[in-house]
Amino acid sequence: EYLYSTSLIATNVNWVSDRKPTNSFQCTAKFRYRQPDTGVTVHIIDDDKVEVVFDEPVRAVTPGQAVVFYNGEECLGGGTIDEVFRNGEKLWYVA
């Protein structure tokens, strides 16, 4: 249970398309190579910062890792995981 998180903040976010998202959207994400897709909702905070809320808790998401967003096989973009949360509470032990 202690290794599971429900959301994260990512920074240094880059988008593949020139049309950056301006609203919240649903897609899938990966946090590790060859990991199965995870359903998420992405909330835009500013130009290079997003909040990512997982559809289901995810194990062992760690600051410093990459998060990459997908729409099917299409890569939408990604960023660096800065903070990790479980039910709104920051997980300090993984920092």
PDB file of N, CA and C in Angstrom:
ATOM      1  N   GLU A   1       0.822  -1.200   0.000  1.00  0.00           N
ATOM      2  CA  GLU A   1       0.000   0.000   0.000  1.00  0.00           C
ATOM      3  C   GLU A   1       0.864   1.261   0.000  1.00  0.00           C
ATOM      4  N   TYR A   2       1.982   1.257   0.722  1.00  0.00           N
ATOM      5  CA  TYR A   2       2.809   2.450   0.843  1.00  0.00           C
ATOM      6  C   TYR A   2       3.525   2.816  -0.453  1.00  0.00           C
ATOM      7  N   LEU A   3       3.628   1.887  -1.369  1.00  0.00           N
ATOM      8  CA  LEU A   3       4.297   2.173  -2.635  1.00  0.00           C
ATOM      9  C   LEU A   3       3.349   2.715  -3.696  1.00  0.00           C
ATOM     10  N   TYR A   4       2.059   2.803  -3.389  1.00  0.00           N
ATOM     11  CA  TYR A   4       1.072   3.235  -4.378  1.00  0.00           C
ATOM     12  C   TYR A   4       0.789   4.724  -4.264  1.00  0.00           C
ATOM     13  N   SER A   5       0.620   5.363  -5.426  1.00  0.00           N
ATOM     14  CA  SER A   5       0.271   6.780  -5.468  1.00  0.00           C
ATOM     15  C   SER A   5      -0.937   6.972  -6.378  1.00  0.00           C
ATOM     16  N   THR A   6      -1.571   8.144  -6.256  1.00  0.00           N
ATOM     17  CA  THR A   6      -2.793   8.415  -7.023  1.00  0.00           C
ATOM     18  C   THR A   6      -2.661   9.608  -7.961  1.00  0.00           C
ATOM     19  N   SER A   7      -1.589  10.388  -7.812  1.00  0.00           N
ATOM     20  CA  SER A   7      -1.391  11.530  -8.710  1.00  0.00           C
ATOM     21  C   SER A   7       0.054  11.999  -8.631  1.00  0.00           C
ATOM     22  N   LEU A   8       0.406  12.896  -9.546  1.00  0.00           N
ATOM     23  CA  LEU A   8       1.750  13.459  -9.560  1.00  0.00           C
ATOM     24  C   LEU A   8       1.716  14.849 -10.174  1.00  0.00           C
ATOM     25  N   ILE A   9       2.789  15.579  -9.938  1.00  0.00           N
ATOM     26  CA  ILE A   9       3.057  16.840 -10.624  1.00  0.00           C
ATOM     27  C   ILE A   9       4.288  16.605 -11.488  1.00  0.00           C
ATOM     28  N   ALA A  10       4.182  16.941 -12.774  1.00  0.00           N
ATOM     29  CA  ALA A  10       5.313  16.827 -13.691  1.00  0.00           C
ATOM     30  C   ALA A  10       5.698  18.216 -14.184  1.00  0.00           C
ATOM     31  N   THR A  11       6.998  18.433 -14.321  1.00  0.00           N
ATOM     32  CA  THR A  11       7.522  19.702 -14.821  1.00  0.00           C
ATOM     33  C   THR A  11       8.365  19.435 -16.063  1.00  0.00           C
ATOM     34  N   ASN A  12       8.845  20.507 -16.662  1.00  0.00           N
ATOM     35  CA  ASN A  12       9.626  20.402 -17.907  1.00  0.00           C
ATOM     36  C   ASN A  12       8.860  19.613 -18.958  1.00  0.00           C
ATOM     37  N   VAL A  13       7.550  19.834 -19.022  1.00  0.00           N
ATOM     38  CA  VAL A  13       6.690  19.092 -19.946  1.00  0.00           C
ATOM     39  C   VAL A  13       6.870  19.640 -21.358  1.00  0.00           C
ATOM     40  N   ASN A  14       7.043  18.738 -22.300  1.00  0.00           N
ATOM     41  CA  ASN A  14       7.137  19.076 -23.719  1.00  0.00           C
ATOM     42  C   ASN A  14       6.068  18.310 -24.466  1.00  0.00           C
ATOM     43  N   TRP A  15       5.458  18.972 -25.451  1.00  0.00           N
ATOM     44  CA  TRP A  15       4.407  18.359 -26.262  1.00  0.00           C
ATOM     45  C   TRP A  15       4.939  18.113 -27.659  1.00  0.00           C
ATOM     46  N   VAL A  16       4.580  16.986 -28.254  1.00  0.00           N
ATOM     47  CA  VAL A  16       5.044  16.625 -29.591  1.00  0.00           C
ATOM     48  C   VAL A  16       4.444  17.568 -30.625  1.00  0.00           C
ATOM     49  N   SER A  17       3.169  17.874 -30.498  1.00  0.00           N
ATOM     50  CA  SER A  17       2.471  18.751 -31.437  1.00  0.00           C
ATOM     51  C   SER A  17       2.727  20.211 -31.082  1.00  0.00           C
ATOM     52  N   ASP A  18       2.658  21.074 -32.085  1.00  0.00           N
ATOM     53  CA  ASP A  18       2.759  22.510 -31.834  1.00  0.00           C
ATOM     54  C   ASP A  18       1.531  23.035 -31.100  1.00  0.00           C
ATOM     55  N   ARG A  19       0.433  22.297 -31.167  1.00  0.00           N
ATOM     56  CA  ARG A  19      -0.801  22.703 -30.485  1.00  0.00           C
ATOM     57  C   ARG A  19      -0.782  22.136 -29.068  1.00  0.00           C
ATOM     58  N   LYS A  20      -0.347  22.940 -28.132  1.00  0.00           N
ATOM     59  CA  LYS A  20      -0.297  22.496 -26.737  1.00  0.00           C
ATOM     60  C   LYS A  20      -1.714  22.419 -26.179  1.00  0.00           C
ATOM     61  N   PRO A  21      -1.992  21.407 -25.367  1.00  0.00           N
ATOM     62  CA  PRO A  21      -3.315  21.342 -24.732  1.00  0.00           C
ATOM     63  C   PRO A  21      -3.511  22.548 -23.809  1.00  0.00           C
ATOM     64  N   THR A  22      -4.730  23.047 -23.755  1.00  0.00           N
ATOM     65  CA  THR A  22      -5.034  24.178 -22.880  1.00  0.00           C
ATOM     66  C   THR A  22      -6.024  23.795 -21.794  1.00  0.00           C
ATOM     67  N   ASN A  23      -6.661  22.647 -21.939  1.00  0.00           N
ATOM     68  CA  ASN A  23      -7.645  22.172 -20.972  1.00  0.00           C
ATOM     69  C   ASN A  23      -7.234  20.803 -20.450  1.00  0.00           C
ATOM     70  N   SER A  24      -7.947  20.334 -19.459  1.00  0.00           N
ATOM     71  CA  SER A  24      -7.735  18.973 -18.964  1.00  0.00           C
ATOM     72  C   SER A  24      -8.149  17.975 -20.034  1.00  0.00           C
ATOM     73  N   PHE A  25      -7.495  16.819 -20.054  1.00  0.00           N
ATOM     74  CA  PHE A  25      -7.842  15.777 -21.021  1.00  0.00           C
ATOM     75  C   PHE A  25      -7.480  14.411 -20.451  1.00  0.00           C
ATOM     76  N   GLN A  26      -8.103  13.380 -21.019  1.00  0.00           N
ATOM     77  CA  GLN A  26      -7.815  12.002 -20.625  1.00  0.00           C
ATOM     78  C   GLN A  26      -6.947  11.354 -21.686  1.00  0.00           C
ATOM     79  N   CYS A  27      -6.041  10.500 -21.227  1.00  0.00           N
ATOM     80  CA  CYS A  27      -5.168   9.759 -22.123  1.00  0.00           C
ATOM     81  C   CYS A  27      -4.596   8.596 -21.323  1.00  0.00           C
ATOM     82  N   THR A  28      -3.553   7.979 -21.835  1.00  0.00           N
ATOM     83  CA  THR A  28      -2.823   6.982 -21.060  1.00  0.00           C
ATOM     84  C   THR A  28      -1.412   7.506 -20.823  1.00  0.00           C
ATOM     85  N   ALA A  29      -0.743   6.918 -19.845  1.00  0.00           N
ATOM     86  CA  ALA A  29       0.617   7.341 -19.511  1.00  0.00           C
ATOM     87  C   ALA A  29       1.458   6.126 -19.158  1.00  0.00           C
ATOM     88  N   LYS A  30       2.762   6.306 -19.312  1.00  0.00           N
ATOM     89  CA  LYS A  30       3.729   5.301 -18.866  1.00  0.00           C
ATOM     90  C   LYS A  30       4.765   5.999 -18.001  1.00  0.00           C
ATOM     91  N   PHE A  31       5.230   5.267 -16.982  1.00  0.00           N
ATOM     92  CA  PHE A  31       6.225   5.787 -16.056  1.00  0.00           C
ATOM     93  C   PHE A  31       7.527   5.002 -16.136  1.00  0.00           C
ATOM     94  N   ARG A  32       7.483   3.839 -16.761  1.00  0.00           N
ATOM     95  CA  ARG A  32       8.654   2.986 -16.930  1.00  0.00           C
ATOM     96  C   ARG A  32       8.587   2.325 -18.312  1.00  0.00           C
ATOM     97  N   TYR A  33       9.732   1.989 -18.841  1.00  0.00           N
ATOM     98  CA  TYR A  33       9.827   1.314 -20.129  1.00  0.00           C
ATOM     99  C   TYR A  33       9.060  -0.005 -20.083  1.00  0.00           C
ATOM    100  N   ARG A  34       8.286  -0.271 -21.096  1.00  0.00           N
ATOM    101  CA  ARG A  34       7.489  -1.497 -21.258  1.00  0.00           C
ATOM    102  C   ARG A  34       6.391  -1.666 -20.213  1.00  0.00           C
ATOM    103  N   GLN A  35       6.081  -0.622 -19.487  1.00  0.00           N
ATOM    104  CA  GLN A  35       4.980  -0.675 -18.527  1.00  0.00           C
ATOM    105  C   GLN A  35       3.660  -0.665 -19.296  1.00  0.00           C
ATOM    106  N   PRO A  36       2.655  -1.397 -18.824  1.00  0.00           N
ATOM    107  CA  PRO A  36       1.332  -1.297 -19.455  1.00  0.00           C
ATOM    108  C   PRO A  36       0.797   0.131 -19.334  1.00  0.00           C
ATOM    109  N   ASP A  37      -0.031   0.519 -20.301  1.00  0.00           N
ATOM    110  CA  ASP A  37      -0.639   1.847 -20.262  1.00  0.00           C
ATOM    111  C   ASP A  37      -1.478   2.020 -19.006  1.00  0.00           C
ATOM    112  N   THR A  38      -1.424   3.209 -18.433  1.00  0.00           N
ATOM    113  CA  THR A  38      -2.207   3.571 -17.259  1.00  0.00           C
ATOM    114  C   THR A  38      -3.142   4.705 -17.651  1.00  0.00           C
ATOM    115  N   GLY A  39      -4.434   4.559 -17.385  1.00  0.00           N
ATOM    116  CA  GLY A  39      -5.387   5.624 -17.671  1.00  0.00           C
ATOM    117  C   GLY A  39      -5.174   6.793 -16.726  1.00  0.00           C
ATOM    118  N   VAL A  40      -5.141   8.014 -17.276  1.00  0.00           N
ATOM    119  CA  VAL A  40      -4.907   9.212 -16.465  1.00  0.00           C
ATOM    120  C   VAL A  40      -5.761  10.369 -16.968  1.00  0.00           C
ATOM    121  N   THR A  41      -5.915  11.358 -16.115  1.00  0.00           N
ATOM    122  CA  THR A  41      -6.449  12.659 -16.506  1.00  0.00           C
ATOM    123  C   THR A  41      -5.345  13.673 -16.271  1.00  0.00           C
ATOM    124  N   VAL A  42      -5.044  14.459 -17.300  1.00  0.00           N
ATOM    125  CA  VAL A  42      -3.979  15.457 -17.234  1.00  0.00           C
ATOM    126  C   VAL A  42      -4.620  16.833 -17.080  1.00  0.00           C
ATOM    127  N   HIS A  43      -4.196  17.559 -16.050  1.00  0.00           N
ATOM    128  CA  HIS A  43      -4.671  18.922 -15.802  1.00  0.00           C
ATOM    129  C   HIS A  43      -3.511  19.882 -16.066  1.00  0.00           C
ATOM    130  N   ILE A  44      -3.697  20.798 -17.005  1.00  0.00           N
ATOM    131  CA  ILE A  44      -2.656  21.765 -17.339  1.00  0.00           C
ATOM    132  C   ILE A  44      -2.557  22.803 -16.219  1.00  0.00           C
ATOM    133  N   ILE A  45      -1.364  22.985 -15.659  1.00  0.00           N
ATOM    134  CA  ILE A  45      -1.139  24.003 -14.633  1.00  0.00           C
ATOM    135  C   ILE A  45      -0.565  25.262 -15.274  1.00  0.00           C
ATOM    136  N   ASP A  46       0.474  25.097 -16.089  1.00  0.00           N
ATOM    137  CA  ASP A  46       1.005  26.200 -16.892  1.00  0.00           C
ATOM    138  C   ASP A  46       1.731  25.608 -18.090  1.00  0.00           C
ATOM    139  N   ASP A  47       2.525  26.414 -18.792  1.00  0.00           N
ATOM    140  CA  ASP A  47       3.119  25.981 -20.058  1.00  0.00           C
ATOM    141  C   ASP A  47       3.928  24.697 -19.962  1.00  0.00           C
ATOM    142  N   ASP A  48       4.612  24.480 -18.849  1.00  0.00           N
ATOM    143  CA  ASP A  48       5.459  23.285 -18.763  1.00  0.00           C
ATOM    144  C   ASP A  48       5.234  22.499 -17.480  1.00  0.00           C
ATOM    145  N   LYS A  49       4.033  22.614 -16.891  1.00  0.00           N
ATOM    146  CA  LYS A  49       3.734  21.921 -15.636  1.00  0.00           C
ATOM    147  C   LYS A  49       2.317  21.371 -15.684  1.00  0.00           C
ATOM    148  N   VAL A  50       2.158  20.090 -15.281  1.00  0.00           N
ATOM    149  CA  VAL A  50       0.845  19.444 -15.283  1.00  0.00           C
ATOM    150  C   VAL A  50       0.642  18.649 -14.001  1.00  0.00           C
ATOM    151  N   GLU A  51      -0.629  18.452 -13.663  1.00  0.00           N
ATOM    152  CA  GLU A  51      -1.006  17.486 -12.634  1.00  0.00           C
ATOM    153  C   GLU A  51      -1.568  16.284 -13.370  1.00  0.00           C
ATOM    154  N   VAL A  52      -1.155  15.095 -12.971  1.00  0.00           N
ATOM    155  CA  VAL A  52      -1.615  13.855 -13.589  1.00  0.00           C
ATOM    156  C   VAL A  52      -2.314  13.035 -12.512  1.00  0.00           C
ATOM    157  N   VAL A  53      -3.600  12.747 -12.730  1.00  0.00           N
ATOM    158  CA  VAL A  53      -4.389  11.964 -11.778  1.00  0.00           C
ATOM    159  C   VAL A  53      -4.630  10.592 -12.393  1.00  0.00           C
ATOM    160  N   PHE A  54      -4.273   9.536 -11.670  1.00  0.00           N
ATOM    161  CA  PHE A  54      -4.379   8.172 -12.179  1.00  0.00           C
ATOM    162  C   PHE A  54      -5.801   7.650 -12.014  1.00  0.00           C
ATOM    163  N   ASP A  55      -6.270   6.867 -12.986  1.00  0.00           N
ATOM    164  CA  ASP A  55      -7.582   6.219 -12.868  1.00  0.00           C
ATOM    165  C   ASP A  55      -7.590   5.217 -11.714  1.00  0.00           C
ATOM    166  N   GLU A  56      -6.474   4.543 -11.513  1.00  0.00           N
ATOM    167  CA  GLU A  56      -6.287   3.572 -10.426  1.00  0.00           C
ATOM    168  C   GLU A  56      -4.926   3.846  -9.791  1.00  0.00           C
ATOM    169  N   PRO A  57      -4.739   3.557  -8.502  1.00  0.00           N
ATOM    170  CA  PRO A  57      -3.421   3.759  -7.886  1.00  0.00           C
ATOM    171  C   PRO A  57      -2.325   3.003  -8.646  1.00  0.00           C
ATOM    172  N   VAL A  58      -1.143   3.623  -8.695  1.00  0.00           N
ATOM    173  CA  VAL A  58      -0.007   3.068  -9.433  1.00  0.00           C
ATOM    174  C   VAL A  58       1.145   2.846  -8.459  1.00  0.00           C
ATOM    175  N   ARG A  59       1.838   1.730  -8.632  1.00  0.00           N
ATOM    176  CA  ARG A  59       2.932   1.342  -7.736  1.00  0.00           C
ATOM    177  C   ARG A  59       4.256   1.959  -8.185  1.00  0.00           C
ATOM    178  N   ALA A  60       5.010   2.438  -7.212  1.00  0.00           N
ATOM    179  CA  ALA A  60       6.418   2.823  -7.368  1.00  0.00           C
ATOM    180  C   ALA A  60       6.666   3.937  -8.383  1.00  0.00           C
ATOM    181  N   VAL A  61       5.825   4.953  -8.389  1.00  0.00           N
ATOM    182  CA  VAL A  61       6.087   6.153  -9.188  1.00  0.00           C
ATOM    183  C   VAL A  61       7.014   7.037  -8.362  1.00  0.00           C
ATOM    184  N   THR A  62       8.113   7.495  -8.967  1.00  0.00           N
ATOM    185  CA  THR A  62       9.164   8.162  -8.209  1.00  0.00           C
ATOM    186  C   THR A  62       9.579   9.478  -8.857  1.00  0.00           C
ATOM    187  N   PRO A  63       9.784  10.540  -8.058  1.00  0.00           N
ATOM    188  CA  PRO A  63      10.319  11.783  -8.615  1.00  0.00           C
ATOM    189  C   PRO A  63      11.626  11.532  -9.350  1.00  0.00           C
ATOM    190  N   GLY A  64      11.787  12.256 -10.457  1.00  0.00           N
ATOM    191  CA  GLY A  64      12.968  12.091 -11.295  1.00  0.00           C
ATOM    192  C   GLY A  64      12.717  11.200 -12.491  1.00  0.00           C
ATOM    193  N   GLN A  65      11.718  10.322 -12.400  1.00  0.00           N
ATOM    194  CA  GLN A  65      11.354   9.480 -13.535  1.00  0.00           C
ATOM    195  C   GLN A  65      10.630  10.324 -14.579  1.00  0.00           C
ATOM    196  N   ALA A  66      10.548   9.793 -15.780  1.00  0.00           N
ATOM    197  CA  ALA A  66       9.765  10.434 -16.837  1.00  0.00           C
ATOM    198  C   ALA A  66       8.336   9.925 -16.794  1.00  0.00           C
ATOM    199  N   VAL A  67       7.403  10.777 -17.190  1.00  0.00           N
ATOM    200  CA  VAL A  67       6.033  10.370 -17.474  1.00  0.00           C
ATOM    201  C   VAL A  67       5.794  10.737 -18.934  1.00  0.00           C
ATOM    202  N   VAL A  68       5.270   9.783 -19.705  1.00  0.00           N
ATOM    203  CA  VAL A  68       5.028   9.993 -21.129  1.00  0.00           C
ATOM    204  C   VAL A  68       3.557   9.742 -21.402  1.00  0.00           C
ATOM    205  N   PHE A  69       2.932  10.667 -22.152  1.00  0.00           N
ATOM    206  CA  PHE A  69       1.497  10.619 -22.424  1.00  0.00           C
ATOM    207  C   PHE A  69       1.233  10.084 -23.826  1.00  0.00           C
ATOM    208  N   TYR A  70       0.187   9.241 -23.944  1.00  0.00           N
ATOM    209  CA  TYR A  70      -0.162   8.614 -25.217  1.00  0.00           C
ATOM    210  C   TYR A  70      -1.652   8.717 -25.493  1.00  0.00           C
ATOM    211  N   ASN A  71      -1.975   8.796 -26.782  1.00  0.00           N
ATOM    212  CA  ASN A  71      -3.335   8.622 -27.280  1.00  0.00           C
ATOM    213  C   ASN A  71      -3.261   7.418 -28.207  1.00  0.00           C
ATOM    214  N   GLY A  72      -3.565   6.236 -27.686  1.00  0.00           N
ATOM    215  CA  GLY A  72      -3.335   5.011 -28.452  1.00  0.00           C
ATOM    216  C   GLY A  72      -1.837   4.826 -28.628  1.00  0.00           C
ATOM    217  N   GLU A  73      -1.393   4.694 -29.875  1.00  0.00           N
ATOM    218  CA  GLU A  73       0.036   4.541 -30.168  1.00  0.00           C
ATOM    219  C   GLU A  73       0.741   5.883 -30.348  1.00  0.00           C
ATOM    220  N   GLU A  74      -0.018   6.970 -30.414  1.00  0.00           N
ATOM    221  CA  GLU A  74       0.547   8.299 -30.656  1.00  0.00           C
ATOM    222  C   GLU A  74       1.100   8.902 -29.362  1.00  0.00           C
ATOM    223  N   CYS A  75       2.367   9.280 -29.383  1.00  0.00           N
ATOM    224  CA  CYS A  75       2.980   9.953 -28.240  1.00  0.00           C
ATOM    225  C   CYS A  75       2.565  11.419 -28.266  1.00  0.00           C
ATOM    226  N   LEU A  76       1.981  11.882 -27.157  1.00  0.00           N
ATOM    227  CA  LEU A  76       1.533  13.270 -27.056  1.00  0.00           C
ATOM    228  C   LEU A  76       2.606  14.182 -26.470  1.00  0.00           C
ATOM    229  N   GLY A  77       3.440  13.635 -25.598  1.00  0.00           N
ATOM    230  CA  GLY A  77       4.468  14.422 -24.933  1.00  0.00           C
ATOM    231  C   GLY A  77       4.842  13.782 -23.614  1.00  0.00           C
ATOM    232  N   GLY A  78       5.573  14.524 -22.812  1.00  0.00           N
ATOM    233  CA  GLY A  78       5.973  13.993 -21.516  1.00  0.00           C
ATOM    234  C   GLY A  78       6.734  15.014 -20.711  1.00  0.00           C
ATOM    235  N   GLY A  79       7.068  14.627 -19.488  1.00  0.00           N
ATOM    236  CA  GLY A  79       7.798  15.514 -18.597  1.00  0.00           C
ATOM    237  C   GLY A  79       8.501  14.725 -17.510  1.00  0.00           C
ATOM    238  N   THR A  80       9.059  15.443 -16.562  1.00  0.00           N
ATOM    239  CA  THR A  80       9.779  14.851 -15.443  1.00  0.00           C
ATOM    240  C   THR A  80       8.902  14.885 -14.200  1.00  0.00           C
ATOM    241  N   ILE A  81       8.782  13.748 -13.531  1.00  0.00           N
ATOM    242  CA  ILE A  81       7.977  13.674 -12.313  1.00  0.00           C
ATOM    243  C   ILE A  81       8.694  14.459 -11.214  1.00  0.00           C
ATOM    244  N   ASP A  82       7.985  15.450 -10.668  1.00  0.00           N
ATOM    245  CA  ASP A  82       8.557  16.323  -9.649  1.00  0.00           C
ATOM    246  C   ASP A  82       8.062  15.976  -8.247  1.00  0.00           C
ATOM    247  N   GLU A  83       6.754  15.698  -8.124  1.00  0.00           N
ATOM    248  CA  GLU A  83       6.152  15.358  -6.835  1.00  0.00           C
ATOM    249  C   GLU A  83       5.152  14.231  -7.043  1.00  0.00           C
ATOM    250  N   VAL A  84       4.988  13.391  -6.022  1.00  0.00           N
ATOM    251  CA  VAL A  84       4.068  12.252  -6.080  1.00  0.00           C
ATOM    252  C   VAL A  84       3.132  12.345  -4.876  1.00  0.00           C
ATOM    253  N   PHE A  85       1.847  11.995  -5.089  1.00  0.00           N
ATOM    254  CA  PHE A  85       0.833  12.126  -4.042  1.00  0.00           C
ATOM    255  C   PHE A  85      -0.003  10.858  -3.921  1.00  0.00           C
ATOM    256  N   ARG A  86      -0.514  10.628  -2.718  1.00  0.00           N
ATOM    257  CA  ARG A  86      -1.517   9.589  -2.501  1.00  0.00           C
ATOM    258  C   ARG A  86      -2.705  10.264  -1.839  1.00  0.00           C
ATOM    259  N   ASN A  87      -3.828  10.269  -2.550  1.00  0.00           N
ATOM    260  CA  ASN A  87      -5.058  10.900  -2.053  1.00  0.00           C
ATOM    261  C   ASN A  87      -4.814  12.329  -1.582  1.00  0.00           C
ATOM    262  N   GLY A  88      -4.044  13.092  -2.366  1.00  0.00           N
ATOM    263  CA  GLY A  88      -3.796  14.496  -2.078  1.00  0.00           C
ATOM    264  C   GLY A  88      -2.663  14.776  -1.119  1.00  0.00           C
ATOM    265  N   GLU A  89      -2.092  13.753  -0.506  1.00  0.00           N
ATOM    266  CA  GLU A  89      -1.000  13.939   0.456  1.00  0.00           C
ATOM    267  C   GLU A  89       0.338  13.623  -0.211  1.00  0.00           C
ATOM    268  N   LYS A  90       1.272  14.572  -0.142  1.00  0.00           N
ATOM    269  CA  LYS A  90       2.577  14.379  -0.771  1.00  0.00           C
ATOM    270  C   LYS A  90       3.314  13.222  -0.116  1.00  0.00           C
ATOM    271  N   LEU A  91       3.912  12.379  -0.949  1.00  0.00           N
ATOM    272  CA  LEU A  91       4.689  11.237  -0.461  1.00  0.00           C
ATOM    273  C   LEU A  91       6.145  11.674  -0.340  1.00  0.00           C
ATOM    274  N   TRP A  92       6.535  12.035   0.845  1.00  0.00           N
ATOM    275  CA  TRP A  92       7.880  12.548   1.092  1.00  0.00           C
ATOM    276  C   TRP A  92       8.937  11.459   1.070  1.00  0.00           C
ATOM    277  N   TYR A  93       8.574  10.248   1.425  1.00  0.00           N
ATOM    278  CA  TYR A  93       9.580   9.194   1.537  1.00  0.00           C
ATOM    279  C   TYR A  93      10.179   8.807   0.206  1.00  0.00           C
ATOM    280  N   VAL A  94       9.533   9.164  -0.908  1.00  0.00           N
ATOM    281  CA  VAL A  94      10.087   8.808  -2.214  1.00  0.00           C
ATOM    282  C   VAL A  94      10.885   9.951  -2.822  1.00  0.00           C
ATOM    283  N   ALA A  95      10.992  11.057  -2.127  1.00  0.00           N
ATOM    284  CA  ALA A  95      11.694  12.219  -2.683  1.00  0.00           C
ATOM    285  C   ALA A  95      13.195  12.033  -2.632  1.00  0.00           C
TER     286      ALA A  95
END
